[in-house]
């Protein structure tokens, strides 16, 4: 895949898995992680915003991504997920459990969910939670891998006929390739 921008818009856990298309790591540096966090800011909450990620934070995110991807690939293959991956996601959640912090805004009690620890610990826990939600959702049975020849992106289709991770990326590329194959075949048969 030539695009260097991560594909976003799937469930958060799938967006995380999709940051490694075809062996290219779109979260290879803390700066790239910061860019991805910015793209996902509406779903991640305040507690992971405005903090520059470090290499240690990146390592925690990579571990959660690897565990999440191992479970996703097993589910796509209709096999049992690796216990080590499930255990790794559980441990990431335990490292920074959500605490519902109560406050008062002058007229009502407010509740804010917070986690403690470094950015990487909080982020890993939040991403592991997102993976747990995905894997326990009944919709997980619809999980698909993009049908484009050179794509490994995964998605949960809203429509059963969806075949590609993105109609503008893989969908267009596949349709154009099919068009050229048909027209090149027609040109060679008429020659």
C-alpha atoms as a PDB file:
ATOM      1  CA  UNK A   1       0.000   0.000   0.000  1.00  0.00           C
ATOM      2  CA  UNK A   2       1.483   3.313  -1.038  1.00  0.00           C
ATOM      3  CA  UNK A   3      -0.588   5.449   1.321  1.00  0.00           C
ATOM      4  CA  UNK A   4       1.339   6.457   4.407  1.00  0.00           C
ATOM      5  CA  UNK A   5      -1.681   7.782   6.322  1.00  0.00           C
ATOM      6  CA  UNK A   6      -3.396   5.239   8.543  1.00  0.00           C
ATOM      7  CA  UNK A   7      -6.872   4.213   7.507  1.00  0.00           C
ATOM      8  CA  UNK A   8      -9.279   5.223  10.274  1.00  0.00           C
ATOM      9  CA  UNK A   9     -13.006   4.926  10.783  1.00  0.00           C
ATOM     10  CA  UNK A  10     -13.327   1.299  11.856  1.00  0.00           C
ATOM     11  CA  UNK A  11     -13.688   0.333  15.494  1.00  0.00           C
ATOM     12  CA  UNK A  12     -10.693   1.596  17.470  1.00  0.00           C
ATOM     13  CA  UNK A  13      -9.124  -1.866  17.900  1.00  0.00           C
ATOM     14  CA  UNK A  14      -9.313  -2.472  14.135  1.00  0.00           C
ATOM     15  CA  UNK A  15      -7.870   0.967  13.403  1.00  0.00           C
ATOM     16  CA  UNK A  16      -4.938  -0.033  15.611  1.00  0.00           C
ATOM     17  CA  UNK A  17      -4.421  -3.343  13.766  1.00  0.00           C
ATOM     18  CA  UNK A  18      -4.682  -1.503  10.450  1.00  0.00           C
ATOM     19  CA  UNK A  19      -1.647   0.648  11.307  1.00  0.00           C
ATOM     20  CA  UNK A  20       0.561  -2.136   9.941  1.00  0.00           C
ATOM     21  CA  UNK A  21      -0.513  -2.656   6.324  1.00  0.00           C
ATOM     22  CA  UNK A  22       1.632  -5.107   4.322  1.00  0.00           C
ATOM     23  CA  UNK A  23       4.540  -5.062   6.775  1.00  0.00           C
ATOM     24  CA  UNK A  24       4.794  -1.256   6.849  1.00  0.00           C
ATOM     25  CA  UNK A  25       4.564   0.110  10.381  1.00  0.00           C
ATOM     26  CA  UNK A  26       2.649   3.388  10.383  1.00  0.00           C
ATOM     27  CA  UNK A  27       3.392   3.692  14.123  1.00  0.00           C
ATOM     28  CA  UNK A  28       7.146   3.157  13.926  1.00  0.00           C
ATOM     29  CA  UNK A  29       8.104   6.311  15.825  1.00  0.00           C
ATOM     30  CA  UNK A  30       6.714   8.301  18.740  1.00  0.00           C
ATOM     31  CA  UNK A  31       5.972  11.094  16.270  1.00  0.00           C
ATOM     32  CA  UNK A  32       3.871   8.769  14.102  1.00  0.00           C
ATOM     33  CA  UNK A  33       2.056   7.570  17.235  1.00  0.00           C
ATOM     34  CA  UNK A  34       1.324  11.206  18.123  1.00  0.00           C
ATOM     35  CA  UNK A  35      -0.130  11.705  14.629  1.00  0.00           C
ATOM     36  CA  UNK A  36      -2.335   8.621  14.982  1.00  0.00           C
ATOM     37  CA  UNK A  37      -3.481   9.752  18.431  1.00  0.00           C
ATOM     38  CA  UNK A  38      -4.457  13.064  16.852  1.00  0.00           C
ATOM     39  CA  UNK A  39      -6.489  11.259  14.172  1.00  0.00           C
ATOM     40  CA  UNK A  40      -8.234   9.194  16.884  1.00  0.00           C
ATOM     41  CA  UNK A  41      -8.549  12.018  19.452  1.00  0.00           C
ATOM     42  CA  UNK A  42     -12.359  12.001  19.527  1.00  0.00           C
ATOM     43  CA  UNK A  43     -12.376   8.321  20.551  1.00  0.00           C
ATOM     44  CA  UNK A  44      -9.456   8.336  22.966  1.00  0.00           C
ATOM     45  CA  UNK A  45     -10.489  11.046  25.379  1.00  0.00           C
ATOM     46  CA  UNK A  46      -8.580  13.791  27.125  1.00  0.00           C
ATOM     47  CA  UNK A  47      -6.330  11.590  29.210  1.00  0.00           C
ATOM     48  CA  UNK A  48      -4.114  10.647  26.248  1.00  0.00           C
ATOM     49  CA  UNK A  49      -4.130  14.037  24.537  1.00  0.00           C
ATOM     50  CA  UNK A  50      -1.504  16.761  24.667  1.00  0.00           C
ATOM     51  CA  UNK A  51       1.259  14.455  25.829  1.00  0.00           C
ATOM     52  CA  UNK A  52       4.180  13.625  23.562  1.00  0.00           C
ATOM     53  CA  UNK A  53       4.598   9.841  23.325  1.00  0.00           C
ATOM     54  CA  UNK A  54       7.975   8.307  24.161  1.00  0.00           C
ATOM     55  CA  UNK A  55       9.653   5.144  22.848  1.00  0.00           C
ATOM     56  CA  UNK A  56       8.429   3.329  25.991  1.00  0.00           C
ATOM     57  CA  UNK A  57       4.847   4.445  25.264  1.00  0.00           C
ATOM     58  CA  UNK A  58       5.238   3.242  21.697  1.00  0.00           C
ATOM     59  CA  UNK A  59       6.444  -0.171  22.897  1.00  0.00           C
ATOM     60  CA  UNK A  60       3.300  -0.618  25.010  1.00  0.00           C
ATOM     61  CA  UNK A  61       1.084   0.298  22.050  1.00  0.00           C
ATOM     62  CA  UNK A  62       3.013  -2.124  19.812  1.00  0.00           C
ATOM     63  CA  UNK A  63       2.469  -4.920  22.352  1.00  0.00           C
ATOM     64  CA  UNK A  64      -1.289  -4.307  22.472  1.00  0.00           C
ATOM     65  CA  UNK A  65      -1.403  -4.092  18.675  1.00  0.00           C
ATOM     66  CA  UNK A  66       0.431  -7.425  18.336  1.00  0.00           C
ATOM     67  CA  UNK A  67      -1.914  -9.127  20.812  1.00  0.00           C
ATOM     68  CA  UNK A  68      -4.989  -7.630  19.141  1.00  0.00           C
ATOM     69  CA  UNK A  69      -3.782  -8.646  15.685  1.00  0.00           C
ATOM     70  CA  UNK A  70      -3.056 -12.210  16.839  1.00  0.00           C
ATOM     71  CA  UNK A  71      -6.645 -12.537  18.082  1.00  0.00           C
ATOM     72  CA  UNK A  72      -8.068 -10.905  14.935  1.00  0.00           C
ATOM     73  CA  UNK A  73      -6.121 -13.263  12.644  1.00  0.00           C
ATOM     74  CA  UNK A  74      -7.242 -16.299  14.662  1.00  0.00           C
ATOM     75  CA  UNK A  75     -10.869 -15.166  14.445  1.00  0.00           C
ATOM     76  CA  UNK A  76     -10.547 -14.644  10.683  1.00  0.00           C
ATOM     77  CA  UNK A  77      -9.140 -18.191  10.426  1.00  0.00           C
ATOM     78  CA  UNK A  78     -11.937 -19.470  12.701  1.00  0.00           C
ATOM     79  CA  UNK A  79      -9.370 -20.843  15.162  1.00  0.00           C
ATOM     80  CA  UNK A  80      -8.811 -20.400  18.866  1.00  0.00           C
ATOM     81  CA  UNK A  81      -6.964 -17.164  19.654  1.00  0.00           C
ATOM     82  CA  UNK A  82      -3.552 -17.554  21.301  1.00  0.00           C
ATOM     83  CA  UNK A  83      -3.903 -17.595  25.071  1.00  0.00           C
ATOM     84  CA  UNK A  84      -0.792 -15.430  25.346  1.00  0.00           C
ATOM     85  CA  UNK A  85      -2.498 -12.703  23.287  1.00  0.00           C
ATOM     86  CA  UNK A  86      -5.656 -12.828  25.403  1.00  0.00           C
ATOM     87  CA  UNK A  87      -3.541 -12.745  28.566  1.00  0.00           C
ATOM     88  CA  UNK A  88      -1.481  -9.818  27.225  1.00  0.00           C
ATOM     89  CA  UNK A  89      -4.621  -7.773  26.552  1.00  0.00           C
ATOM     90  CA  UNK A  90      -5.969  -8.563  30.016  1.00  0.00           C
ATOM     91  CA  UNK A  91      -2.669  -7.537  31.630  1.00  0.00           C
ATOM     92  CA  UNK A  92      -2.667  -4.246  29.695  1.00  0.00           C
ATOM     93  CA  UNK A  93      -6.155  -3.487  31.041  1.00  0.00           C
ATOM     94  CA  UNK A  94      -5.121  -4.339  34.607  1.00  0.00           C
ATOM     95  CA  UNK A  95      -2.135  -2.003  34.469  1.00  0.00           C
ATOM     96  CA  UNK A  96      -4.405   1.081  34.340  1.00  0.00           C
ATOM     97  CA  UNK A  97      -7.983   0.244  35.279  1.00  0.00           C
ATOM     98  CA  UNK A  98     -10.578   2.969  34.749  1.00  0.00           C
ATOM     99  CA  UNK A  99     -11.576   4.868  37.864  1.00  0.00           C
ATOM    100  CA  UNK A 100     -14.796   6.869  37.882  1.00  0.00           C
ATOM    101  CA  UNK A 101     -13.835  10.155  39.489  1.00  0.00           C
ATOM    102  CA  UNK A 102     -16.716  12.049  41.063  1.00  0.00           C
ATOM    103  CA  UNK A 103     -16.902  15.819  41.074  1.00  0.00           C
ATOM    104  CA  UNK A 104     -19.320  18.670  41.491  1.00  0.00           C
ATOM    105  CA  UNK A 105     -19.986  21.286  38.820  1.00  0.00           C
ATOM    106  CA  UNK A 106     -22.042  23.593  41.054  1.00  0.00           C
ATOM    107  CA  UNK A 107     -25.370  22.006  40.219  1.00  0.00           C
ATOM    108  CA  UNK A 108     -24.845  18.292  39.736  1.00  0.00           C
ATOM    109  CA  UNK A 109     -22.482  15.445  40.438  1.00  0.00           C
ATOM    110  CA  UNK A 110     -20.166  14.767  37.511  1.00  0.00           C
ATOM    111  CA  UNK A 111     -18.377  11.550  36.642  1.00  0.00           C
ATOM    112  CA  UNK A 112     -15.087  11.483  34.758  1.00  0.00           C
ATOM    113  CA  UNK A 113     -13.336   8.229  33.937  1.00  0.00           C
ATOM    114  CA  UNK A 114      -9.577   8.417  34.465  1.00  0.00           C
ATOM    115  CA  UNK A 115      -6.657   6.010  34.449  1.00  0.00           C
ATOM    116  CA  UNK A 116      -3.348   6.370  36.230  1.00  0.00           C
ATOM    117  CA  UNK A 117       0.173   5.699  35.006  1.00  0.00           C
ATOM    118  CA  UNK A 118       2.321   6.789  32.118  1.00  0.00           C
ATOM    119  CA  UNK A 119       0.818   7.709  28.781  1.00  0.00           C
ATOM    120  CA  UNK A 120       1.821   4.322  27.393  1.00  0.00           C
ATOM    121  CA  UNK A 121       0.224   2.442  30.289  1.00  0.00           C
ATOM    122  CA  UNK A 122      -3.014   4.418  30.038  1.00  0.00           C
ATOM    123  CA  UNK A 123      -3.091   4.168  26.253  1.00  0.00           C
ATOM    124  CA  UNK A 124      -2.362   0.425  26.267  1.00  0.00           C
ATOM    125  CA  UNK A 125      -5.187  -0.132  28.757  1.00  0.00           C
ATOM    126  CA  UNK A 126      -7.608   1.943  26.721  1.00  0.00           C
ATOM    127  CA  UNK A 127      -6.687   0.113  23.491  1.00  0.00           C
ATOM    128  CA  UNK A 128      -6.905  -3.283  25.214  1.00  0.00           C
ATOM    129  CA  UNK A 129     -10.375  -2.300  26.467  1.00  0.00           C
ATOM    130  CA  UNK A 130     -11.347  -1.445  22.891  1.00  0.00           C
ATOM    131  CA  UNK A 131     -10.092  -4.870  21.774  1.00  0.00           C
ATOM    132  CA  UNK A 132     -12.083  -6.595  24.538  1.00  0.00           C
ATOM    133  CA  UNK A 133     -15.223  -4.753  23.434  1.00  0.00           C
ATOM    134  CA  UNK A 134     -14.627  -5.776  19.818  1.00  0.00           C
ATOM    135  CA  UNK A 135     -13.974  -9.441  20.607  1.00  0.00           C
ATOM    136  CA  UNK A 136     -17.013  -9.747  22.869  1.00  0.00           C
ATOM    137  CA  UNK A 137     -19.371  -8.055  20.381  1.00  0.00           C
ATOM    138  CA  UNK A 138     -21.646 -10.509  18.511  1.00  0.00           C
ATOM    139  CA  UNK A 139     -20.789  -8.605  15.295  1.00  0.00           C
ATOM    140  CA  UNK A 140     -17.252 -10.065  15.432  1.00  0.00           C
ATOM    141  CA  UNK A 141     -18.546 -12.980  13.346  1.00  0.00           C
ATOM    142  CA  UNK A 142     -18.769 -10.572  10.381  1.00  0.00           C
ATOM    143  CA  UNK A 143     -15.074  -9.634  10.596  1.00  0.00           C
ATOM    144  CA  UNK A 144     -13.470  -9.534   7.133  1.00  0.00           C
ATOM    145  CA  UNK A 145     -10.113  -8.984   5.529  1.00  0.00           C
ATOM    146  CA  UNK A 146      -9.907  -6.701   2.497  1.00  0.00           C
ATOM    147  CA  UNK A 147     -10.237  -8.685  -0.752  1.00  0.00           C
ATOM    148  CA  UNK A 148      -7.657  -6.588  -2.629  1.00  0.00           C
ATOM    149  CA  UNK A 149      -4.669  -8.727  -3.619  1.00  0.00           C
ATOM    150  CA  UNK A 150      -2.047  -6.751  -1.731  1.00  0.00           C
ATOM    151  CA  UNK A 151      -4.031  -5.584   1.300  1.00  0.00           C
ATOM    152  CA  UNK A 152      -4.249  -7.062   4.791  1.00  0.00           C
ATOM    153  CA  UNK A 153      -6.585  -4.476   6.344  1.00  0.00           C
ATOM    154  CA  UNK A 154      -9.488  -5.775   8.414  1.00  0.00           C
ATOM    155  CA  UNK A 155     -12.955  -4.347   8.933  1.00  0.00           C
ATOM    156  CA  UNK A 156     -16.454  -5.045  10.193  1.00  0.00           C
ATOM    157  CA  UNK A 157     -18.745  -4.447   7.225  1.00  0.00           C
ATOM    158  CA  UNK A 158     -21.949  -2.520   7.814  1.00  0.00           C
ATOM    159  CA  UNK A 159     -23.217  -3.995   4.554  1.00  0.00           C
ATOM    160  CA  UNK A 160     -22.747  -7.713   3.771  1.00  0.00           C
ATOM    161  CA  UNK A 161     -21.518  -6.978   0.241  1.00  0.00           C
ATOM    162  CA  UNK A 162     -18.603  -4.778   1.358  1.00  0.00           C
ATOM    163  CA  UNK A 163     -15.392  -6.292  -0.032  1.00  0.00           C
ATOM    164  CA  UNK A 164     -12.652  -3.713   0.500  1.00  0.00           C
ATOM    165  CA  UNK A 165     -11.193  -1.807   3.420  1.00  0.00           C
ATOM    166  CA  UNK A 166     -11.901   1.428   1.589  1.00  0.00           C
ATOM    167  CA  UNK A 167     -13.783   2.017  -1.654  1.00  0.00           C
ATOM    168  CA  UNK A 168     -11.402   4.885  -2.497  1.00  0.00           C
ATOM    169  CA  UNK A 169      -8.184   2.958  -1.800  1.00  0.00           C
ATOM    170  CA  UNK A 170      -8.518  -0.729  -2.564  1.00  0.00           C
ATOM    171  CA  UNK A 171     -11.916  -0.629  -4.245  1.00  0.00           C
ATOM    172  CA  UNK A 172     -10.817   1.816  -6.932  1.00  0.00           C
ATOM    173  CA  UNK A 173      -7.445   0.102  -7.408  1.00  0.00           C
ATOM    174  CA  UNK A 174      -9.122  -3.279  -7.854  1.00  0.00           C
ATOM    175  CA  UNK A 175     -11.732  -1.947 -10.282  1.00  0.00           C
ATOM    176  CA  UNK A 176      -9.093  -0.129 -12.353  1.00  0.00           C
ATOM    177  CA  UNK A 177      -6.878  -3.250 -12.474  1.00  0.00           C
ATOM    178  CA  UNK A 178      -9.869  -5.342 -13.555  1.00  0.00           C
ATOM    179  CA  UNK A 179     -10.704  -2.788 -16.285  1.00  0.00           C
ATOM    180  CA  UNK A 180      -7.136  -2.842 -17.640  1.00  0.00           C
ATOM    181  CA  UNK A 181      -7.017  -6.652 -17.617  1.00  0.00           C
ATOM    182  CA  UNK A 182     -10.260  -6.814 -19.617  1.00  0.00           C
ATOM    183  CA  UNK A 183      -9.160  -4.191 -22.129  1.00  0.00           C
ATOM    184  CA  UNK A 184      -5.642  -5.581 -22.522  1.00  0.00           C
ATOM    185  CA  UNK A 185      -7.104  -9.039 -23.093  1.00  0.00           C
ATOM    186  CA  UNK A 186      -9.443  -7.610 -25.726  1.00  0.00           C
ATOM    187  CA  UNK A 187      -6.542  -5.799 -27.442  1.00  0.00           C
ATOM    188  CA  UNK A 188      -4.361  -8.915 -27.585  1.00  0.00           C
ATOM    189  CA  UNK A 189      -7.190 -11.108 -28.902  1.00  0.00           C
ATOM    190  CA  UNK A 190      -7.996  -8.679 -31.733  1.00  0.00           C
ATOM    191  CA  UNK A 191      -4.355  -8.373 -32.820  1.00  0.00           C
END
